Amino acid sequence: MSIPHAGPGAPVDLRPESETLTEAKTLALIKDDAFEAIRMVVPKEHEVCHEHHVKGPITVQCLEGWVALSIDGDKHSLKTGQWTFVPAGAPHTITGVDNSLVLLTIIFR
């Protein structure tokens, strides 16, 4: 069964209280011709998006936890409530320092 995407103006609970980080799943919230928004679960010591790159810029917001973010070889740290961006085409890797939940937005060009 596929997960339904969010509708225009419909609120989406990114951190449902009934779900713990160990139970949570990564899910695409919306994808259209302009952008894609993903609620991404990053377990402790797990690496996602290894040296991944896309044509457009990406935003990364740590909703809960702590992740390490490598952008073109440079190391960064994002904790709960922090936000950053990845320039278009830059290789990036996200690694869970703790069990974490991030909001990833990809802008298509």
PDB file of N, CA and C in Angstrom:
ATOM      1  N   MET A   1       0.843  -1.177   0.000  1.00  0.00           N
ATOM      2  CA  MET A   1       0.000   0.000   0.000  1.00  0.00           C
ATOM      3  C   MET A   1       0.888   1.239   0.000  1.00  0.00           C
ATOM      4  N   SER A   2       0.632   2.174  -0.874  1.00  0.00           N
ATOM      5  CA  SER A   2       1.440   3.388  -0.922  1.00  0.00           C
ATOM      6  C   SER A   2       0.918   4.406   0.082  1.00  0.00           C
ATOM      7  N   ILE A   3       1.804   5.287   0.502  1.00  0.00           N
ATOM      8  CA  ILE A   3       1.447   6.333   1.450  1.00  0.00           C
ATOM      9  C   ILE A   3       0.933   7.526   0.660  1.00  0.00           C
ATOM     10  N   PRO A   4      -0.263   8.042   0.999  1.00  0.00           N
ATOM     11  CA  PRO A   4      -0.798   9.181   0.245  1.00  0.00           C
ATOM     12  C   PRO A   4       0.038  10.438   0.484  1.00  0.00           C
ATOM     13  N   HIS A   5       0.209  11.231  -0.544  1.00  0.00           N
ATOM     14  CA  HIS A   5       0.927  12.494  -0.421  1.00  0.00           C
ATOM     15  C   HIS A   5       0.026  13.538   0.216  1.00  0.00           C
ATOM     16  N   ALA A   6       0.636  14.573   0.758  1.00  0.00           N
ATOM     17  CA  ALA A   6      -0.091  15.666   1.381  1.00  0.00           C
ATOM     18  C   ALA A   6      -0.823  16.475   0.318  1.00  0.00           C
ATOM     19  N   GLY A   7      -1.947  17.037   0.689  1.00  0.00           N
ATOM     20  CA  GLY A   7      -2.703  17.905  -0.213  1.00  0.00           C
ATOM     21  C   GLY A   7      -2.426  19.366   0.091  1.00  0.00           C
ATOM     22  N   PRO A   8      -2.676  20.248  -0.871  1.00  0.00           N
ATOM     23  CA  PRO A   8      -2.445  21.680  -0.657  1.00  0.00           C
ATOM     24  C   PRO A   8      -3.212  22.186   0.569  1.00  0.00           C
ATOM     25  N   GLY A   9      -2.505  22.822   1.469  1.00  0.00           N
ATOM     26  CA  GLY A   9      -3.121  23.404   2.661  1.00  0.00           C
ATOM     27  C   GLY A   9      -3.421  22.410   3.770  1.00  0.00           C
ATOM     28  N   ALA A  10      -3.252  21.122   3.516  1.00  0.00           N
ATOM     29  CA  ALA A  10      -3.543  20.109   4.534  1.00  0.00           C
ATOM     30  C   ALA A  10      -2.380  20.006   5.509  1.00  0.00           C
ATOM     31  N   PRO A  11      -2.638  20.173   6.797  1.00  0.00           N
ATOM     32  CA  PRO A  11      -1.543  20.049   7.763  1.00  0.00           C
ATOM     33  C   PRO A  11      -1.045  18.613   7.848  1.00  0.00           C
ATOM     34  N   VAL A  12       0.250  18.472   8.023  1.00  0.00           N
ATOM     35  CA  VAL A  12       0.880  17.159   8.146  1.00  0.00           C
ATOM     36  C   VAL A  12       1.641  17.139   9.470  1.00  0.00           C
ATOM     37  N   ASP A  13       1.365  16.154  10.297  1.00  0.00           N
ATOM     38  CA  ASP A  13       2.071  15.999  11.558  1.00  0.00           C
ATOM     39  C   ASP A  13       3.373  15.265  11.285  1.00  0.00           C
ATOM     40  N   LEU A  14       4.498  15.971  11.352  1.00  0.00           N
ATOM     41  CA  LEU A  14       5.787  15.373  11.036  1.00  0.00           C
ATOM     42  C   LEU A  14       6.328  14.510  12.170  1.00  0.00           C
ATOM     43  N   ARG A  15       5.860  14.771  13.388  1.00  0.00           N
ATOM     44  CA  ARG A  15       6.307  13.996  14.542  1.00  0.00           C
ATOM     45  C   ARG A  15       5.089  13.482  15.312  1.00  0.00           C
ATOM     46  N   PRO A  16       4.391  12.497  14.776  1.00  0.00           N
ATOM     47  CA  PRO A  16       3.210  11.987  15.461  1.00  0.00           C
ATOM     48  C   PRO A  16       3.556  11.453  16.847  1.00  0.00           C
ATOM     49  N   GLU A  17       2.750  11.846  17.826  1.00  0.00           N
ATOM     50  CA  GLU A  17       3.017  11.441  19.206  1.00  0.00           C
ATOM     51  C   GLU A  17       2.871   9.942  19.416  1.00  0.00           C
ATOM     52  N   SER A  18       2.101   9.272  18.585  1.00  0.00           N
ATOM     53  CA  SER A  18       1.866   7.845  18.760  1.00  0.00           C
ATOM     54  C   SER A  18       3.001   6.994  18.192  1.00  0.00           C
ATOM     55  N   GLU A  19       4.019   7.637  17.631  1.00  0.00           N
ATOM     56  CA  GLU A  19       5.092   6.929  16.945  1.00  0.00           C
ATOM     57  C   GLU A  19       6.441   7.307  17.562  1.00  0.00           C
ATOM     58  N   THR A  20       7.252   6.322  17.930  1.00  0.00           N
ATOM     59  CA  THR A  20       8.598   6.609  18.412  1.00  0.00           C
ATOM     60  C   THR A  20       9.546   6.603  17.223  1.00  0.00           C
ATOM     61  N   LEU A  21      10.737   7.123  17.418  1.00  0.00           N
ATOM     62  CA  LEU A  21      11.710   7.153  16.319  1.00  0.00           C
ATOM     63  C   LEU A  21      12.106   5.755  15.872  1.00  0.00           C
ATOM     64  N   THR A  22      12.072   4.779  16.763  1.00  0.00           N
ATOM     65  CA  THR A  22      12.418   3.425  16.358  1.00  0.00           C
ATOM     66  C   THR A  22      11.284   2.780  15.559  1.00  0.00           C
ATOM     67  N   GLU A  23      10.070   3.313  15.668  1.00  0.00           N
ATOM     68  CA  GLU A  23       8.927   2.789  14.913  1.00  0.00           C
ATOM     69  C   GLU A  23       8.664   3.572  13.623  1.00  0.00           C
ATOM     70  N   ALA A  24       9.143   4.800  13.576  1.00  0.00           N
ATOM     71  CA  ALA A  24       8.843   5.700  12.463  1.00  0.00           C
ATOM     72  C   ALA A  24       9.456   5.201  11.153  1.00  0.00           C
ATOM     73  N   LYS A  25       8.826   5.555  10.070  1.00  0.00           N
ATOM     74  CA  LYS A  25       9.287   5.184   8.733  1.00  0.00           C
ATOM     75  C   LYS A  25       9.534   6.447   7.915  1.00  0.00           C
ATOM     76  N   THR A  26      10.490   6.367   6.997  1.00  0.00           N
ATOM     77  CA  THR A  26      10.710   7.451   6.049  1.00  0.00           C
ATOM     78  C   THR A  26       9.534   7.472   5.087  1.00  0.00           C
ATOM     79  N   LEU A  27       9.047   8.673   4.778  1.00  0.00           N
ATOM     80  CA  LEU A  27       7.953   8.756   3.819  1.00  0.00           C
ATOM     81  C   LEU A  27       8.027  10.045   3.007  1.00  0.00           C
ATOM     82  N   ALA A  28       7.649   9.923   1.739  1.00  0.00           N
ATOM     83  CA  ALA A  28       7.575  11.090   0.862  1.00  0.00           C
ATOM     84  C   ALA A  28       6.273  11.818   1.185  1.00  0.00           C
ATOM     85  N   LEU A  29       6.370  13.099   1.511  1.00  0.00           N
ATOM     86  CA  LEU A  29       5.186  13.889   1.835  1.00  0.00           C
ATOM     87  C   LEU A  29       4.515  14.424   0.579  1.00  0.00           C
ATOM     88  N   ILE A  30       5.338  14.870  -0.360  1.00  0.00           N
ATOM     89  CA  ILE A  30       4.822  15.426  -1.615  1.00  0.00           C
ATOM     90  C   ILE A  30       5.938  15.379  -2.647  1.00  0.00           C
ATOM     91  N   LYS A  31       5.564  15.146  -3.883  1.00  0.00           N
ATOM     92  CA  LYS A  31       6.512  15.231  -4.985  1.00  0.00           C
ATOM     93  C   LYS A  31       5.738  15.727  -6.199  1.00  0.00           C
ATOM     94  N   ASP A  32       6.243  16.817  -6.775  1.00  0.00           N
ATOM     95  CA  ASP A  32       5.670  17.310  -8.021  1.00  0.00           C
ATOM     96  C   ASP A  32       6.814  17.764  -8.926  1.00  0.00           C
ATOM     97  N   ASP A  33       6.518  18.517  -9.954  1.00  0.00           N
ATOM     98  CA  ASP A  33       7.557  18.934 -10.898  1.00  0.00           C
ATOM     99  C   ASP A  33       8.561  19.913 -10.298  1.00  0.00           C
ATOM    100  N   ALA A  34       8.180  20.615  -9.208  1.00  0.00           N
ATOM    101  CA  ALA A  34       9.031  21.653  -8.639  1.00  0.00           C
ATOM    102  C   ALA A  34       9.889  21.176  -7.475  1.00  0.00           C
ATOM    103  N   PHE A  35       9.329  20.295  -6.610  1.00  0.00           N
ATOM    104  CA  PHE A  35      10.068  19.882  -5.419  1.00  0.00           C
ATOM    105  C   PHE A  35       9.536  18.569  -4.854  1.00  0.00           C
ATOM    106  N   GLU A  36      10.325  18.012  -3.929  1.00  0.00           N
ATOM    107  CA  GLU A  36       9.914  16.826  -3.189  1.00  0.00           C
ATOM    108  C   GLU A  36      10.246  17.059  -1.724  1.00  0.00           C
ATOM    109  N   ALA A  37       9.314  16.742  -0.828  1.00  0.00           N
ATOM    110  CA  ALA A  37       9.539  16.840   0.609  1.00  0.00           C
ATOM    111  C   ALA A  37       9.448  15.439   1.202  1.00  0.00           C
ATOM    112  N   ILE A  38      10.453  15.091   2.009  1.00  0.00           N
ATOM    113  CA  ILE A  38      10.555  13.750   2.580  1.00  0.00           C
ATOM    114  C   ILE A  38      10.772  13.846   4.083  1.00  0.00           C
ATOM    115  N   ARG A  39       9.942  13.126   4.850  1.00  0.00           N
ATOM    116  CA  ARG A  39      10.212  12.948   6.282  1.00  0.00           C
ATOM    117  C   ARG A  39      11.116  11.736   6.356  1.00  0.00           C
ATOM    118  N   MET A  40      12.364  11.970   6.744  1.00  0.00           N
ATOM    119  CA  MET A  40      13.362  10.907   6.709  1.00  0.00           C
ATOM    120  C   MET A  40      13.768  10.494   8.122  1.00  0.00           C
ATOM    121  N   VAL A  41      13.679   9.209   8.386  1.00  0.00           N
ATOM    122  CA  VAL A  41      14.138   8.638   9.639  1.00  0.00           C
ATOM    123  C   VAL A  41      15.598   8.228   9.448  1.00  0.00           C
ATOM    124  N   VAL A  42      16.448   8.666  10.373  1.00  0.00           N
ATOM    125  CA  VAL A  42      17.875   8.329  10.300  1.00  0.00           C
ATOM    126  C   VAL A  42      18.262   7.673  11.631  1.00  0.00           C
ATOM    127  N   PRO A  43      18.305   6.348  11.662  1.00  0.00           N
ATOM    128  CA  PRO A  43      18.675   5.652  12.908  1.00  0.00           C
ATOM    129  C   PRO A  43      20.114   5.961  13.326  1.00  0.00           C
ATOM    130  N   LYS A  44      20.361   5.850  14.628  1.00  0.00           N
ATOM    131  CA  LYS A  44      21.705   6.061  15.181  1.00  0.00           C
ATOM    132  C   LYS A  44      22.704   5.167  14.444  1.00  0.00           C
ATOM    133  N   GLU A  45      23.823   5.776  14.045  1.00  0.00           N
ATOM    134  CA  GLU A  45      24.936   5.111  13.358  1.00  0.00           C
ATOM    135  C   GLU A  45      24.574   4.573  11.977  1.00  0.00           C
ATOM    136  N   HIS A  46      23.440   5.005  11.432  1.00  0.00           N
ATOM    137  CA  HIS A  46      23.031   4.582  10.092  1.00  0.00           C
ATOM    138  C   HIS A  46      23.292   5.724   9.113  1.00  0.00           C
ATOM    139  N   GLU A  47      23.773   5.392   7.939  1.00  0.00           N
ATOM    140  CA  GLU A  47      24.094   6.384   6.916  1.00  0.00           C
ATOM    141  C   GLU A  47      23.052   6.322   5.801  1.00  0.00           C
ATOM    142  N   VAL A  48      22.558   7.477   5.396  1.00  0.00           N
ATOM    143  CA  VAL A  48      21.627   7.552   4.266  1.00  0.00           C
ATOM    144  C   VAL A  48      22.170   8.550   3.250  1.00  0.00           C
ATOM    145  N   CYS A  49      21.735   8.417   2.036  1.00  0.00           N
ATOM    146  CA  CYS A  49      22.152   9.340   0.964  1.00  0.00           C
ATOM    147  C   CYS A  49      23.670   9.367   0.792  1.00  0.00           C
ATOM    148  N   HIS A  50      24.330   8.221   0.853  1.00  0.00           N
ATOM    149  CA  HIS A  50      25.791   8.192   0.782  1.00  0.00           C
ATOM    150  C   HIS A  50      26.302   8.834  -0.512  1.00  0.00           C
ATOM    151  N   GLU A  51      26.987   9.961  -0.348  1.00  0.00           N
ATOM    152  CA  GLU A  51      27.562  10.706  -1.474  1.00  0.00           C
ATOM    153  C   GLU A  51      26.530  10.940  -2.587  1.00  0.00           C
ATOM    154  N   HIS A  52      25.288  11.117  -2.176  1.00  0.00           N
ATOM    155  CA  HIS A  52      24.190  11.361  -3.117  1.00  0.00           C
ATOM    156  C   HIS A  52      24.282  12.793  -3.639  1.00  0.00           C
ATOM    157  N   HIS A  53      23.809  13.031  -4.824  1.00  0.00           N
ATOM    158  CA  HIS A  53      23.755  14.398  -5.354  1.00  0.00           C
ATOM    159  C   HIS A  53      22.581  14.507  -6.308  1.00  0.00           C
ATOM    160  N   VAL A  54      22.003  15.694  -6.359  1.00  0.00           N
ATOM    161  CA  VAL A  54      20.904  15.982  -7.278  1.00  0.00           C
ATOM    162  C   VAL A  54      21.195  17.311  -7.963  1.00  0.00           C
ATOM    163  N   LYS A  55      20.483  17.577  -9.053  1.00  0.00           N
ATOM    164  CA  LYS A  55      20.737  18.793  -9.839  1.00  0.00           C
ATOM    165  C   LYS A  55      20.375  20.076  -9.100  1.00  0.00           C
ATOM    166  N   GLY A  56      19.331  20.015  -8.270  1.00  0.00           N
ATOM    167  CA  GLY A  56      18.883  21.211  -7.552  1.00  0.00           C
ATOM    168  C   GLY A  56      19.365  21.250  -6.122  1.00  0.00           C
ATOM    169  N   PRO A  57      19.147  22.369  -5.429  1.00  0.00           N
ATOM    170  CA  PRO A  57      19.532  22.473  -4.018  1.00  0.00           C
ATOM    171  C   PRO A  57      18.612  21.637  -3.122  1.00  0.00           C
ATOM    172  N   ILE A  58      19.099  21.351  -1.935  1.00  0.00           N
ATOM    173  CA  ILE A  58      18.367  20.561  -0.949  1.00  0.00           C
ATOM    174  C   ILE A  58      18.375  21.325   0.366  1.00  0.00           C
ATOM    175  N   THR A  59      17.271  21.278   1.105  1.00  0.00           N
ATOM    176  CA  THR A  59      17.268  21.788   2.473  1.00  0.00           C
ATOM    177  C   THR A  59      17.141  20.598   3.413  1.00  0.00           C
ATOM    178  N   VAL A  60      17.799  20.714   4.573  1.00  0.00           N
ATOM    179  CA  VAL A  60      17.765  19.667   5.580  1.00  0.00           C
ATOM    180  C   VAL A  60      17.441  20.330   6.916  1.00  0.00           C
ATOM    181  N   GLN A  61      16.345  19.899   7.544  1.00  0.00           N
ATOM    182  CA  GLN A  61      15.967  20.406   8.856  1.00  0.00           C
ATOM    183  C   GLN A  61      15.906  19.225   9.812  1.00  0.00           C
ATOM    184  N   CYS A  62      16.650  19.307  10.909  1.00  0.00           N
ATOM    185  CA  CYS A  62      16.623  18.258  11.923  1.00  0.00           C
ATOM    186  C   CYS A  62      15.414  18.518  12.829  1.00  0.00           C
ATOM    187  N   LEU A  63      14.417  17.662  12.738  1.00  0.00           N
ATOM    188  CA  LEU A  63      13.206  17.804  13.544  1.00  0.00           C
ATOM    189  C   LEU A  63      13.395  17.242  14.945  1.00  0.00           C
ATOM    190  N   GLU A  64      14.189  16.188  15.018  1.00  0.00           N
ATOM    191  CA  GLU A  64      14.429  15.531  16.303  1.00  0.00           C
ATOM    192  C   GLU A  64      15.725  14.742  16.208  1.00  0.00           C
ATOM    193  N   GLY A  65      16.526  14.808  17.258  1.00  0.00           N
ATOM    194  CA  GLY A  65      17.763  14.033  17.292  1.00  0.00           C
ATOM    195  C   GLY A  65      18.991  14.838  16.919  1.00  0.00           C
ATOM    196  N   TRP A  66      19.940  14.154  16.287  1.00  0.00           N
ATOM    197  CA  TRP A  66      21.234  14.743  15.939  1.00  0.00           C
ATOM    198  C   TRP A  66      21.797  13.960  14.768  1.00  0.00           C
ATOM    199  N   VAL A  67      22.105  14.661  13.674  1.00  0.00           N
ATOM    200  CA  VAL A  67      22.696  14.027  12.503  1.00  0.00           C
ATOM    201  C   VAL A  67      23.996  14.712  12.124  1.00  0.00           C
ATOM    202  N   ALA A  68      24.884  13.927  11.536  1.00  0.00           N
ATOM    203  CA  ALA A  68      26.103  14.458  10.931  1.00  0.00           C
ATOM    204  C   ALA A  68      25.813  14.578   9.438  1.00  0.00           C
ATOM    205  N   LEU A  69      26.209  15.688   8.859  1.00  0.00           N
ATOM    206  CA  LEU A  69      25.966  15.947   7.441  1.00  0.00           C
ATOM    207  C   LEU A  69      27.301  16.256   6.779  1.00  0.00           C
ATOM    208  N   SER A  70      27.629  15.468   5.777  1.00  0.00           N
ATOM    209  CA  SER A  70      28.835  15.714   4.995  1.00  0.00           C
ATOM    210  C   SER A  70      28.389  16.317   3.664  1.00  0.00           C
ATOM    211  N   ILE A  71      28.939  17.484   3.332  1.00  0.00           N
ATOM    212  CA  ILE A  71      28.636  18.147   2.069  1.00  0.00           C
ATOM    213  C   ILE A  71      29.946  18.348   1.322  1.00  0.00           C
ATOM    214  N   ASP A  72      30.099  17.629   0.231  1.00  0.00           N
ATOM    215  CA  ASP A  72      31.307  17.730  -0.588  1.00  0.00           C
ATOM    216  C   ASP A  72      32.566  17.560   0.268  1.00  0.00           C
ATOM    217  N   GLY A  73      32.494  16.618   1.233  1.00  0.00           N
ATOM    218  CA  GLY A  73      33.640  16.320   2.086  1.00  0.00           C
ATOM    219  C   GLY A  73      33.726  17.130   3.366  1.00  0.00           C
ATOM    220  N   ASP A  74      32.997  18.255   3.471  1.00  0.00           N
ATOM    221  CA  ASP A  74      33.010  19.071   4.687  1.00  0.00           C
ATOM    222  C   ASP A  74      32.000  18.514   5.685  1.00  0.00           C
ATOM    223  N   LYS A  75      32.401  18.386   6.957  1.00  0.00           N
ATOM    224  CA  LYS A  75      31.559  17.809   8.004  1.00  0.00           C
ATOM    225  C   LYS A  75      30.783  18.899   8.741  1.00  0.00           C
ATOM    226  N   HIS A  76      29.487  18.621   8.977  1.00  0.00           N
ATOM    227  CA  HIS A  76      28.607  19.540   9.694  1.00  0.00           C
ATOM    228  C   HIS A  76      27.777  18.727  10.680  1.00  0.00           C
ATOM    229  N   SER A  77      27.180  19.413  11.639  1.00  0.00           N
ATOM    230  CA  SER A  77      26.348  18.765  12.642  1.00  0.00           C
ATOM    231  C   SER A  77      25.017  19.506  12.726  1.00  0.00           C
ATOM    232  N   LEU A  78      23.919  18.759  12.734  1.00  0.00           N
ATOM    233  CA  LEU A  78      22.587  19.353  12.880  1.00  0.00           C
ATOM    234  C   LEU A  78      21.890  18.690  14.053  1.00  0.00           C
ATOM    235  N   LYS A  79      21.404  19.507  14.985  1.00  0.00           N
ATOM    236  CA  LYS A  79      20.655  19.003  16.131  1.00  0.00           C
ATOM    237  C   LYS A  79      19.218  19.496  16.027  1.00  0.00           C
ATOM    238  N   THR A  80      18.361  18.977  16.886  1.00  0.00           N
ATOM    239  CA  THR A  80      16.936  19.320  16.890  1.00  0.00           C
ATOM    240  C   THR A  80      16.728  20.816  16.695  1.00  0.00           C
ATOM    241  N   GLY A  81      15.893  21.151  15.708  1.00  0.00           N
ATOM    242  CA  GLY A  81      15.544  22.546  15.434  1.00  0.00           C
ATOM    243  C   GLY A  81      16.483  23.266  14.485  1.00  0.00           C
ATOM    244  N   GLN A  82      17.567  22.638  14.074  1.00  0.00           N
ATOM    245  CA  GLN A  82      18.510  23.302  13.177  1.00  0.00           C
ATOM    246  C   GLN A  82      18.221  22.953  11.726  1.00  0.00           C
ATOM    247  N   TRP A  83      18.586  23.887  10.832  1.00  0.00           N
ATOM    248  CA  TRP A  83      18.299  23.798   9.397  1.00  0.00           C
ATOM    249  C   TRP A  83      19.543  24.204   8.634  1.00  0.00           C
ATOM    250  N   THR A  84      19.723  23.618   7.455  1.00  0.00           N
ATOM    251  CA  THR A  84      20.783  24.039   6.547  1.00  0.00           C
ATOM    252  C   THR A  84      20.391  23.668   5.129  1.00  0.00           C
ATOM    253  N   PHE A  85      21.266  23.976   4.185  1.00  0.00           N
ATOM    254  CA  PHE A  85      21.005  23.600   2.797  1.00  0.00           C
ATOM    255  C   PHE A  85      22.251  22.982   2.182  1.00  0.00           C
ATOM    256  N   VAL A  86      22.011  22.224   1.128  1.00  0.00           N
ATOM    257  CA  VAL A  86      23.076  21.599   0.342  1.00  0.00           C
ATOM    258  C   VAL A  86      23.007  22.222  -1.048  1.00  0.00           C
ATOM    259  N   PRO A  87      24.102  22.803  -1.544  1.00  0.00           N
ATOM    260  CA  PRO A  87      24.074  23.412  -2.871  1.00  0.00           C
ATOM    261  C   PRO A  87      23.775  22.386  -3.970  1.00  0.00           C
ATOM    262  N   ALA A  88      23.215  22.856  -5.049  1.00  0.00           N
ATOM    263  CA  ALA A  88      22.904  22.005  -6.199  1.00  0.00           C
ATOM    264  C   ALA A  88      24.141  21.229  -6.632  1.00  0.00           C
ATOM    265  N   GLY A  89      23.970  19.926  -6.841  1.00  0.00           N
ATOM    266  CA  GLY A  89      25.033  19.076  -7.348  1.00  0.00           C
ATOM    267  C   GLY A  89      26.067  18.611  -6.349  1.00  0.00           C
ATOM    268  N   ALA A  90      26.038  19.138  -5.111  1.00  0.00           N
ATOM    269  CA  ALA A  90      27.050  18.764  -4.124  1.00  0.00           C
ATOM    270  C   ALA A  90      26.785  17.365  -3.562  1.00  0.00           C
ATOM    271  N   PRO A  91      27.795  16.499  -3.551  1.00  0.00           N
ATOM    272  CA  PRO A  91      27.609  15.179  -2.942  1.00  0.00           C
ATOM    273  C   PRO A  91      27.425  15.331  -1.428  1.00  0.00           C
ATOM    274  N   HIS A  92      26.484  14.582  -0.870  1.00  0.00           N
ATOM    275  CA  HIS A  92      26.181  14.699   0.548  1.00  0.00           C
ATOM    276  C   HIS A  92      25.842  13.333   1.149  1.00  0.00           C
ATOM    277  N   THR A  93      26.080  13.231   2.453  1.00  0.00           N
ATOM    278  CA  THR A  93      25.778  12.028   3.218  1.00  0.00           C
ATOM    279  C   THR A  93      25.197  12.466   4.554  1.00  0.00           C
ATOM    280  N   ILE A  94      24.143  11.795   5.002  1.00  0.00           N
ATOM    281  CA  ILE A  94      23.536  12.065   6.301  1.00  0.00           C
ATOM    282  C   ILE A  94      23.731  10.825   7.166  1.00  0.00           C
ATOM    283  N   THR A  95      24.256  11.021   8.387  1.00  0.00           N
ATOM    284  CA  THR A  95      24.501   9.918   9.309  1.00  0.00           C
ATOM    285  C   THR A  95      23.870  10.238  10.654  1.00  0.00           C
ATOM    286  N   GLY A  96      23.160   9.275  11.230  1.00  0.00           N
ATOM    287  CA  GLY A  96      22.548   9.480  12.539  1.00  0.00           C
ATOM    288  C   GLY A  96      23.574   9.403  13.653  1.00  0.00           C
ATOM    289  N   VAL A  97      23.731  10.496  14.390  1.00  0.00           N
ATOM    290  CA  VAL A  97      24.543  10.479  15.604  1.00  0.00           C
ATOM    291  C   VAL A  97      23.676   9.895  16.724  1.00  0.00           C
ATOM    292  N   ASP A  98      22.400  10.288  16.752  1.00  0.00           N
ATOM    293  CA  ASP A  98      21.357   9.702  17.585  1.00  0.00           C
ATOM    294  C   ASP A  98      20.240   9.265  16.641  1.00  0.00           C
ATOM    295  N   ASN A  99      19.258   8.533  17.142  1.00  0.00           N
ATOM    296  CA  ASN A  99      18.062   8.274  16.344  1.00  0.00           C
ATOM    297  C   ASN A  99      17.464   9.633  15.999  1.00  0.00           C
ATOM    298  N   SER A 100      17.204   9.879  14.723  1.00  0.00           N
ATOM    299  CA  SER A 100      16.839  11.224  14.284  1.00  0.00           C
ATOM    300  C   SER A 100      15.726  11.214  13.256  1.00  0.00           C
ATOM    301  N   LEU A 101      15.094  12.371  13.153  1.00  0.00           N
ATOM    302  CA  LEU A 101      14.038  12.605  12.182  1.00  0.00           C
ATOM    303  C   LEU A 101      14.359  13.915  11.480  1.00  0.00           C
ATOM    304  N   VAL A 102      14.453  13.904  10.151  1.00  0.00           N
ATOM    305  CA  VAL A 102      14.772  15.117   9.408  1.00  0.00           C
ATOM    306  C   VAL A 102      13.723  15.362   8.326  1.00  0.00           C
ATOM    307  N   LEU A 103      13.578  16.615   7.970  1.00  0.00           N
ATOM    308  CA  LEU A 103      12.741  17.010   6.848  1.00  0.00           C
ATOM    309  C   LEU A 103      13.689  17.412   5.735  1.00  0.00           C
ATOM    310  N   LEU A 104      13.637  16.673   4.648  1.00  0.00           N
ATOM    311  CA  LEU A 104      14.506  16.876   3.500  1.00  0.00           C
ATOM    312  C   LEU A 104      13.648  17.415   2.352  1.00  0.00           C
ATOM    313  N   THR A 105      14.053  18.536   1.786  1.00  0.00           N
ATOM    314  CA  THR A 105      13.330  19.107   0.648  1.00  0.00           C
ATOM    315  C   THR A 105      14.286  19.228  -0.531  1.00  0.00           C
ATOM    316  N   ILE A 106      13.910  18.647  -1.647  1.00  0.00           N
ATOM    317  CA  ILE A 106      14.716  18.689  -2.864  1.00  0.00           C
ATOM    318  C   ILE A 106      14.026  19.627  -3.844  1.00  0.00           C
ATOM    319  N   ILE A 107      14.743  20.621  -4.329  1.00  0.00           N
ATOM    320  CA  ILE A 107      14.208  21.562  -5.312  1.00  0.00           C
ATOM    321  C   ILE A 107      14.665  21.091  -6.681  1.00  0.00           C
ATOM    322  N   PHE A 108      13.705  20.835  -7.568  1.00  0.00           N
ATOM    323  CA  PHE A 108      14.044  20.382  -8.907  1.00  0.00           C
ATOM    324  C   PHE A 108      14.266  21.582  -9.817  1.00  0.00           C
ATOM    325  N   ARG A 109      15.151  21.409 -10.771  1.00  0.00           N
ATOM    326  CA  ARG A 109      15.404  22.481 -11.728  1.00  0.00           C
ATOM    327  C   ARG A 109      15.016  22.020 -13.095  1.00  0.00           C
TER     328      ARG A 109
END
